[in-house]
């Protein structure tokens, strides 16, 4: 191209890009090809060349092909000097249509990512391969109580209570090894203000040319959901307890104590262990009800239940069998140890003085015991109950306030 912008030479590629033949191009000026919005910038560059000024970098322009289509080009020029005098300008141009499309697609993708990142209701976070935060979206920042500047200064370990650190670093190792997290993980996180939040999260590693760059993850605040779940579990436990427990005494009710007895008999048979069963009944309880009223009788029942708890082991099964009768199952317990526990209950209850309607009343209890090894005797819960009841009846016959043991099987 001469210094007036007229073309002096062109190759076959120039023909292909412009749609003009070489003969047609050699009759044209650069301004005949360049789109109007780019002419001024191109002329300014030509003036700088004429003045000998240095040109910085390539020039991006658009030309108008012979068929009217616009084609973006990147042009690199250099001076042609003869006898120390600028005589022409030579240049190389390449079609950057695909580059422009890629650039446009990238900008669209960035806009979409920015919209997703900032508008998502879930927490989105990015951290490096060591766990130091790079960025987090608004929901994450709000949920954790940090600003963008603050979050970029901390490592995820700052947010984790000590007991979650091992789990977190295990997940990070998995990410480094496989590139993704197989399952959702639940973590408890510390907010900036010290409050705790529960989140479930899943993350993946972002790669460039097979090289891991950073970790991107999505998290959801499940604090409310877990609180509801815990409340439901507490309610279910309460309902279960209500279904199994005697309201007045707090001991197991009739059905629950019988079921536990059956379970323990099977366990004793399976493990080849002894088992002892006690039936206890308050003496002259009807007289107390008749003389002092049912509220007073309830007070006595509550007192005996407290004595039962104090007299037996925590794993002994204690229940109100019905009325003033109590059923105690002692797993892996021989007869002599069951006798000691029964005597402990009898003496403890006898010493208690209960105030009923202003009177100081002392009550007593009678107890029947049966002990056996189910794997030897092949005896079931029903038979054990029958023999314990017979021993109790014997204690009543012999004057009450005593412990009677069923003879060995």
Protein backbone atom coordinates (compact mmCIF):
# COMPACT_ATOMS: atom_id res chain seq x y z
CA UNK A 1 0.00 0.00 0.00
CA UNK A 2 1.39 3.41 -0.94
CA UNK A 3 1.34 6.42 1.35
CA UNK A 4 -2.03 7.52 -0.02
CA UNK A 5 -3.63 4.21 0.92
CA UNK A 6 -3.76 2.68 -2.55
CA UNK A 7 -3.14 -1.05 -2.79
CA UNK A 8 0.01 -2.07 -4.61
CA UNK A 9 -0.03 -5.82 -3.98
CA UNK A 10 -2.31 -8.58 -2.67
CA UNK A 11 -2.24 -12.37 -2.47
CA UNK A 12 -4.87 -15.07 -3.01
CA UNK A 13 -5.90 -14.94 0.65
CA UNK A 14 -6.73 -11.25 0.21
CA UNK A 15 -9.00 -12.21 -2.68
CA UNK A 16 -10.73 -14.85 -0.53
CA UNK A 17 -11.27 -12.52 2.45
CA UNK A 18 -12.42 -9.43 0.47
CA UNK A 19 -14.29 -11.13 -2.38
CA UNK A 20 -12.41 -8.95 -4.87
CA UNK A 21 -9.88 -10.10 -7.49
CA UNK A 22 -6.29 -8.87 -7.26
CA UNK A 23 -6.89 -6.71 -10.35
CA UNK A 24 -9.91 -5.10 -8.63
CA UNK A 25 -8.00 -4.55 -5.37
CA UNK A 26 -5.11 -2.82 -7.15
CA UNK A 27 -7.58 -0.21 -8.40
CA UNK A 28 -8.91 0.45 -4.88
CA UNK A 29 -7.98 2.61 -1.86
CA UNK A 30 -7.99 1.22 1.67
CA UNK A 31 -10.99 3.42 2.48
CA UNK A 32 -12.96 1.61 -0.22
CA UNK A 33 -12.71 -1.56 1.87
CA UNK A 34 -12.74 -0.34 5.45
CA UNK A 35 -16.07 0.03 7.25
CA UNK A 36 -16.80 3.78 7.84
CA UNK A 37 -16.55 3.52 11.65
CA UNK A 38 -12.95 2.31 11.39
CA UNK A 39 -11.64 4.76 8.70
CA UNK A 40 -10.60 7.53 11.10
CA UNK A 41 -8.55 5.20 13.35
CA UNK A 42 -6.87 3.65 10.28
CA UNK A 43 -5.98 7.08 8.82
CA UNK A 44 -4.52 8.15 12.18
CA UNK A 45 -2.23 5.12 12.14
CA UNK A 46 -1.15 5.91 8.57
CA UNK A 47 -0.27 9.48 9.62
CA UNK A 48 1.83 8.15 12.50
CA UNK A 49 3.69 5.88 10.07
CA UNK A 50 4.43 8.83 7.82
CA UNK A 51 5.80 10.77 10.80
CA UNK A 52 7.97 7.82 11.81
CA UNK A 53 6.16 7.37 15.12
CA UNK A 54 6.12 3.96 16.77
CA UNK A 55 2.90 1.96 16.37
CA UNK A 56 1.73 -0.06 19.40
CA UNK A 57 0.24 -3.50 18.68
CA UNK A 58 -2.04 -4.76 15.94
CA UNK A 59 -5.12 -2.90 14.72
CA UNK A 60 -8.57 -4.47 14.72
CA UNK A 61 -10.89 -3.21 11.97
CA UNK A 62 -13.82 -4.33 9.90
CA UNK A 63 -13.88 -4.38 6.08
CA UNK A 64 -16.87 -4.60 3.77
CA UNK A 65 -16.57 -7.46 1.33
CA UNK A 66 -17.67 -7.20 -2.28
CA UNK A 67 -20.89 -9.03 -1.35
CA UNK A 68 -21.59 -6.44 1.40
CA UNK A 69 -20.77 -8.64 4.38
CA UNK A 70 -18.65 -7.20 7.21
CA UNK A 71 -15.50 -9.14 8.13
CA UNK A 72 -13.42 -8.35 11.24
CA UNK A 73 -9.65 -8.33 10.63
CA UNK A 74 -6.55 -7.96 12.77
CA UNK A 75 -3.92 -6.00 10.89
CA UNK A 76 -0.18 -5.75 11.59
CA UNK A 77 1.75 -3.22 9.51
CA UNK A 78 5.38 -2.31 9.04
CA UNK A 79 7.14 0.45 7.03
CA UNK A 80 8.84 -0.10 3.64
CA UNK A 81 11.93 2.13 3.54
CA UNK A 82 14.18 2.92 0.54
CA UNK A 83 17.24 5.14 0.86
CA UNK A 84 16.16 5.98 4.43
CA UNK A 85 12.85 7.21 3.12
CA UNK A 86 9.36 5.75 3.81
CA UNK A 87 7.98 4.72 0.40
CA UNK A 88 5.16 2.27 1.28
CA UNK A 89 3.48 0.26 4.03
CA UNK A 90 3.23 -3.49 4.04
CA UNK A 91 0.76 -5.38 6.18
CA UNK A 92 -0.54 -8.78 7.15
CA UNK A 93 -4.22 -9.22 7.98
CA UNK A 94 -6.03 -12.23 9.43
CA UNK A 95 -9.72 -12.95 9.61
CA UNK A 96 -10.75 -12.85 13.29
CA UNK A 97 -14.41 -13.78 12.78
CA UNK A 98 -14.03 -16.96 14.87
CA UNK A 99 -12.02 -15.13 17.51
CA UNK A 100 -14.75 -12.46 17.78
CA UNK A 101 -17.39 -15.20 18.07
CA UNK A 102 -15.43 -16.95 20.80
CA UNK A 103 -14.96 -13.62 22.57
CA UNK A 104 -18.68 -12.90 22.32
CA UNK A 105 -19.55 -16.40 23.56
CA UNK A 106 -17.14 -15.96 26.45
CA UNK A 107 -18.70 -12.62 27.38
CA UNK A 108 -22.17 -14.21 27.25
CA UNK A 109 -20.96 -17.09 29.40
CA UNK A 110 -19.43 -14.65 31.89
CA UNK A 111 -22.70 -12.71 32.07
CA UNK A 112 -24.68 -15.92 32.60
CA UNK A 113 -22.22 -17.08 35.27
CA UNK A 114 -22.36 -13.69 36.97
CA UNK A 115 -26.18 -13.83 36.95
CA UNK A 116 -26.17 -17.39 38.34
CA UNK A 117 -23.48 -16.55 40.89
CA UNK A 118 -25.22 -13.49 42.29
CA UNK A 119 -28.88 -14.43 41.83
CA UNK A 120 -28.73 -18.01 43.09
CA UNK A 121 -30.54 -18.60 46.37
CA UNK A 122 -27.96 -21.26 47.22
CA UNK A 123 -24.52 -20.41 48.49
CA UNK A 124 -21.81 -20.53 45.82
CA UNK A 125 -18.19 -20.34 46.86
CA UNK A 126 -14.76 -20.65 45.27
CA UNK A 127 -11.55 -21.51 47.09
CA UNK A 128 -8.06 -22.58 46.09
CA UNK A 129 -6.69 -26.10 46.47
CA UNK A 130 -5.55 -25.31 50.02
CA UNK A 131 -8.97 -24.10 51.12
CA UNK A 132 -8.40 -20.30 50.99
CA UNK A 133 -11.50 -18.52 49.73
CA UNK A 134 -11.32 -16.67 46.42
CA UNK A 135 -14.93 -15.55 46.16
CA UNK A 136 -18.46 -16.18 47.45
CA UNK A 137 -21.86 -14.97 46.31
CA UNK A 138 -24.26 -12.75 48.26
CA UNK A 139 -26.31 -15.55 49.91
CA UNK A 140 -23.08 -17.18 51.16
CA UNK A 141 -21.72 -13.88 52.47
CA UNK A 142 -25.03 -13.07 54.17
CA UNK A 143 -25.29 -16.58 55.65
CA UNK A 144 -21.76 -16.41 57.07
CA UNK A 145 -21.79 -12.72 58.02
CA UNK A 146 -18.63 -11.77 56.08
CA UNK A 147 -17.94 -9.18 53.37
CA UNK A 148 -16.25 -10.12 50.07
CA UNK A 149 -13.01 -8.58 51.28
CA UNK A 150 -13.14 -10.48 54.58
CA UNK A 151 -14.01 -13.87 53.06
CA UNK A 152 -11.07 -13.64 50.65
CA UNK A 153 -8.70 -13.40 53.62
CA UNK A 154 -9.72 -16.63 55.36
CA UNK A 155 -9.41 -20.39 54.89
CA UNK A 156 -12.47 -22.63 55.13
CA UNK A 157 -10.96 -24.19 58.27
CA UNK A 158 -11.71 -20.87 60.03
CA UNK A 159 -15.42 -21.62 59.67
CA UNK A 160 -15.28 -25.18 60.98
CA UNK A 161 -15.59 -26.39 64.58
CA UNK A 162 -12.67 -28.68 65.44
CA UNK A 163 -14.64 -31.92 65.17
CA UNK A 164 -15.46 -31.18 61.49
CA UNK A 165 -11.89 -30.43 60.36
CA UNK A 166 -10.91 -34.07 59.70
CA UNK A 167 -14.04 -34.59 57.62
CA UNK A 168 -13.42 -31.37 55.64
CA UNK A 169 -9.83 -32.24 54.79
CA UNK A 170 -10.94 -35.74 53.78
CA UNK A 171 -13.36 -34.15 51.29
CA UNK A 172 -10.59 -31.85 50.03
CA UNK A 173 -8.29 -34.85 49.45
CA UNK A 174 -11.08 -36.59 47.55
CA UNK A 175 -11.50 -33.50 45.37
CA UNK A 176 -7.80 -33.34 44.58
CA UNK A 177 -7.71 -37.04 43.70
CA UNK A 178 -10.93 -37.41 41.70
CA UNK A 179 -11.88 -33.87 40.74
CA UNK A 180 -15.35 -34.09 42.22
CA UNK A 181 -17.21 -34.87 45.40
CA UNK A 182 -19.25 -38.07 45.15
CA UNK A 183 -21.82 -37.30 47.83
CA UNK A 184 -23.36 -34.34 49.61
CA UNK A 185 -21.60 -33.54 52.86
CA UNK A 186 -23.13 -31.93 55.93
CA UNK A 187 -21.09 -29.49 57.99
CA UNK A 188 -21.65 -27.21 60.94
CA UNK A 189 -20.11 -23.76 60.26
CA UNK A 190 -19.28 -20.85 62.54
CA UNK A 191 -20.59 -17.49 61.39
CA UNK A 192 -18.55 -14.36 61.94
CA UNK A 193 -20.76 -13.56 64.96
CA UNK A 194 -20.07 -17.02 66.45
CA UNK A 195 -23.51 -18.49 65.73
CA UNK A 196 -23.61 -21.95 64.18
CA UNK A 197 -25.32 -22.88 60.91
CA UNK A 198 -25.72 -26.29 59.30
CA UNK A 199 -25.09 -26.64 55.56
CA UNK A 200 -25.05 -29.41 53.00
CA UNK A 201 -22.52 -28.91 50.23
CA UNK A 202 -21.03 -30.46 47.12
CA UNK A 203 -17.99 -29.26 45.20
CA UNK A 204 -15.93 -29.87 42.05
CA UNK A 205 -12.45 -28.95 40.86
CA UNK A 206 -12.11 -26.59 37.87
CA UNK A 207 -9.29 -27.54 35.49
CA UNK A 208 -7.40 -25.73 32.73
CA UNK A 209 -5.43 -27.93 30.34
CA UNK A 210 -5.74 -30.79 32.84
CA UNK A 211 -4.21 -28.66 35.58
CA UNK A 212 -6.42 -28.11 38.68
CA UNK A 213 -7.03 -24.42 39.30
CA UNK A 214 -9.57 -24.06 42.10
CA UNK A 215 -12.60 -25.60 43.80
CA UNK A 216 -16.13 -24.40 43.20
CA UNK A 217 -18.94 -25.53 45.45
CA UNK A 218 -22.64 -25.05 46.14
CA UNK A 219 -24.00 -25.11 49.69
CA UNK A 220 -27.46 -24.85 51.18
CA UNK A 221 -28.38 -23.68 54.67
CA UNK A 222 -30.24 -26.62 56.25
CA UNK A 223 -30.31 -25.26 59.81
CA UNK A 224 -34.09 -24.85 59.86
CA UNK A 225 -34.60 -28.27 58.27
CA UNK A 226 -32.37 -29.97 60.84
CA UNK A 227 -34.07 -28.11 63.68
CA UNK A 228 -37.44 -29.33 62.42
CA UNK A 229 -36.04 -32.85 62.08
CA UNK A 230 -34.65 -32.76 65.63
CA UNK A 231 -37.96 -31.40 66.94
CA UNK A 232 -39.80 -34.22 65.15
CA UNK A 233 -37.39 -36.80 66.58
CA UNK A 234 -37.91 -35.39 70.08
CA UNK A 235 -41.67 -35.51 69.57
CA UNK A 236 -41.47 -39.10 68.31
CA UNK A 237 -39.33 -40.09 71.29
CA UNK A 238 -41.84 -38.46 73.59
CA UNK A 239 -44.72 -40.28 71.90
CA UNK A 240 -42.81 -43.57 72.06
CA UNK A 241 -42.09 -43.01 75.72
CA UNK A 242 -45.73 -42.17 76.36
CA UNK A 243 -46.76 -45.38 74.59
CA UNK A 244 -44.36 -47.46 76.72
CA UNK A 245 -44.46 -45.62 80.04
CA UNK A 246 -46.92 -45.61 82.92
CA UNK A 247 -48.00 -42.00 83.43
CA UNK A 248 -48.22 -42.14 87.20
CA UNK A 249 -44.95 -43.90 88.11
CA UNK A 250 -42.73 -43.27 85.10
CA UNK A 251 -41.93 -47.01 84.91
CA UNK A 252 -42.70 -49.16 81.89
CA UNK A 253 -46.39 -49.93 81.49
CA UNK A 254 -47.95 -53.41 81.45
CA UNK A 255 -47.48 -54.10 77.73
CA UNK A 256 -43.96 -52.72 77.52
CA UNK A 257 -42.73 -54.60 80.61
CA UNK A 258 -44.17 -57.88 79.26
CA UNK A 259 -42.56 -57.38 75.85
CA UNK A 260 -39.20 -56.63 77.45
CA UNK A 261 -39.51 -59.78 79.59
CA UNK A 262 -40.09 -61.89 76.46
CA UNK A 263 -37.10 -60.28 74.77
CA UNK A 264 -34.82 -60.89 77.74
CA UNK A 265 -35.89 -64.55 78.06
CA UNK A 266 -34.94 -65.12 74.40
CA UNK A 267 -31.65 -63.30 74.92
CA UNK A 268 -30.85 -65.40 78.02
CA UNK A 269 -31.60 -68.58 76.09
CA UNK A 270 -29.44 -67.47 73.17
CA UNK A 271 -26.53 -66.36 75.37
CA UNK A 272 -26.94 -69.25 77.83
CA UNK A 273 -27.34 -66.85 80.77
CA UNK A 274 -29.52 -66.93 83.92
CA UNK A 275 -32.48 -64.62 84.37
CA UNK A 276 -34.53 -63.58 87.39
CA UNK A 277 -38.07 -62.24 87.46
CA UNK A 278 -39.68 -60.46 90.43
CA UNK A 279 -43.34 -59.74 91.08
CA UNK A 280 -43.91 -57.14 93.83
CA UNK A 281 -47.22 -56.12 95.35
CA UNK A 282 -48.04 -53.42 97.94
CA UNK A 283 -49.50 -54.76 101.17
CA UNK A 284 -52.97 -53.58 102.21
CA UNK A 285 -53.08 -51.05 99.38
CA UNK A 286 -56.89 -51.21 99.18
CA UNK A 287 -57.05 -50.06 102.82
CA UNK A 288 -54.91 -47.02 101.99
CA UNK A 289 -57.18 -46.13 99.06
CA UNK A 290 -60.33 -46.60 101.14
CA UNK A 291 -59.05 -44.69 104.17
CA UNK A 292 -57.07 -41.86 102.55
CA UNK A 293 -58.46 -41.70 99.02
CA UNK A 294 -57.07 -42.43 95.59
CA UNK A 295 -54.75 -39.37 95.43
CA UNK A 296 -53.03 -40.74 98.55
CA UNK A 297 -52.82 -44.15 96.88
CA UNK A 298 -51.18 -42.55 93.85
CA UNK A 299 -48.62 -40.92 96.15
CA UNK A 300 -47.75 -44.35 97.60
CA UNK A 301 -47.37 -45.83 94.10
CA UNK A 302 -45.01 -43.02 93.14
CA UNK A 303 -43.00 -43.62 96.29
CA UNK A 304 -42.59 -47.32 95.59
CA UNK A 305 -41.52 -46.62 91.99
CA UNK A 306 -38.77 -44.32 93.31
CA UNK A 307 -37.60 -47.08 95.66
CA UNK A 308 -37.57 -49.59 92.80
CA UNK A 309 -35.30 -47.31 90.77
CA UNK A 310 -32.91 -46.96 93.72
CA UNK A 311 -32.88 -50.67 94.53
CA UNK A 312 -32.15 -52.11 91.08
CA UNK A 313 -29.54 -51.67 88.38
CA UNK A 314 -30.13 -49.21 85.55
CA UNK A 315 -30.40 -52.05 83.02
CA UNK A 316 -32.89 -54.05 85.08
CA UNK A 317 -36.33 -53.73 83.48
CA UNK A 318 -38.79 -52.11 85.87
CA UNK A 319 -42.50 -51.85 85.12
CA UNK A 320 -45.89 -51.30 86.67
CA UNK A 321 -47.69 -54.53 85.89
CA UNK A 322 -51.09 -53.23 86.95
CA UNK A 323 -52.74 -51.59 89.97
CA UNK A 324 -50.29 -51.95 92.87
CA UNK A 325 -48.28 -54.77 91.21
CA UNK A 326 -44.80 -54.30 89.79
CA UNK A 327 -42.75 -56.51 87.46
CA UNK A 328 -38.93 -56.43 87.51
CA UNK A 329 -36.80 -58.44 85.07
CA UNK A 330 -33.12 -58.87 85.96
CA UNK A 331 -31.03 -60.06 82.98
CA UNK A 332 -28.00 -62.31 83.59
CA UNK A 333 -28.84 -62.55 87.31
CA UNK A 334 -28.77 -65.60 89.55
CA UNK A 335 -31.25 -66.26 92.37
CA UNK A 336 -29.07 -65.08 95.28
CA UNK A 337 -28.41 -61.69 93.67
CA UNK A 338 -32.10 -61.26 92.85
CA UNK A 339 -32.89 -62.02 96.53
CA UNK A 340 -30.45 -59.34 97.70
CA UNK A 341 -32.02 -56.75 95.39
CA UNK A 342 -35.54 -57.72 96.49
CA UNK A 343 -34.59 -57.44 100.17
CA UNK A 344 -33.01 -54.08 99.47
CA UNK A 345 -36.30 -52.86 98.00
CA UNK A 346 -38.40 -54.36 100.82
CA UNK A 347 -36.30 -52.78 103.60
CA UNK A 348 -36.00 -49.43 101.86
CA UNK A 349 -39.75 -49.17 101.33
CA UNK A 350 -40.54 -50.29 104.90
CA UNK A 351 -38.36 -47.50 106.30
CA UNK A 352 -40.18 -44.85 104.25
CA UNK A 353 -42.76 -42.87 106.12
CA UNK A 354 -45.32 -41.26 103.84
CA UNK A 355 -47.43 -38.32 104.97
CA UNK A 356 -51.06 -38.95 103.99
CA UNK A 357 -53.72 -36.38 104.94
CA UNK A 358 -51.64 -35.35 107.97
CA UNK A 359 -50.91 -38.92 109.14
CA UNK A 360 -47.46 -40.54 109.06
CA UNK A 361 -48.01 -43.85 107.26
CA UNK A 362 -45.51 -46.68 106.80
CA UNK A 363 -46.21 -49.13 103.97
CA UNK A 364 -44.79 -52.55 103.15
CA UNK A 365 -44.33 -54.64 100.03
CA UNK A 366 -44.32 -58.39 99.30
CA UNK A 367 -42.10 -59.87 96.58
CA UNK A 368 -42.00 -63.17 94.72
CA UNK A 369 -38.91 -64.30 92.78
CA UNK A 370 -38.27 -66.90 90.11
CA UNK A 371 -34.81 -67.59 88.70
CA UNK A 372 -33.75 -69.99 85.98
CA UNK A 373 -31.54 -70.59 82.95
CA UNK A 374 -33.90 -70.72 79.94
CA UNK A 375 -31.41 -72.64 77.77
CA UNK A 376 -31.48 -75.49 80.32
CA UNK A 377 -35.09 -75.38 81.43
CA UNK A 378 -36.69 -74.48 78.11
CA UNK A 379 -39.04 -72.17 79.97
CA UNK A 380 -40.84 -69.16 78.53
CA UNK A 381 -41.92 -65.75 79.79
CA UNK A 382 -45.46 -66.91 80.54
CA UNK A 383 -44.25 -69.71 82.81
CA UNK A 384 -41.79 -67.43 84.60
CA UNK A 385 -44.58 -64.97 85.33
CA UNK A 386 -46.77 -67.76 86.68
CA UNK A 387 -44.06 -68.97 89.08
CA UNK A 388 -43.14 -65.43 90.18
CA UNK A 389 -46.82 -64.80 90.92
CA UNK A 390 -47.04 -68.05 92.90
CA UNK A 391 -43.98 -66.99 94.97
CA UNK A 392 -45.65 -63.61 95.58
CA UNK A 393 -48.85 -65.34 96.72
CA UNK A 394 -46.77 -67.43 99.09
CA UNK A 395 -45.20 -64.26 100.56
CA UNK A 396 -48.68 -62.87 101.16
CA UNK A 397 -49.80 -66.11 102.81
CA UNK A 398 -46.82 -66.05 105.17
CA UNK A 399 -47.72 -62.65 106.58
CA UNK A 400 -46.68 -60.13 103.89
CA UNK A 401 -43.69 -57.76 103.99
CA UNK A 402 -41.37 -60.56 102.92
CA UNK A 403 -39.52 -62.06 99.94
CA UNK A 404 -40.30 -65.58 98.75
CA UNK A 405 -38.34 -67.50 96.12
CA UNK A 406 -39.80 -70.10 93.80
CA UNK A 407 -38.07 -73.49 94.18
CA UNK A 408 -35.45 -74.34 91.51
CA UNK A 409 -36.70 -75.90 88.30
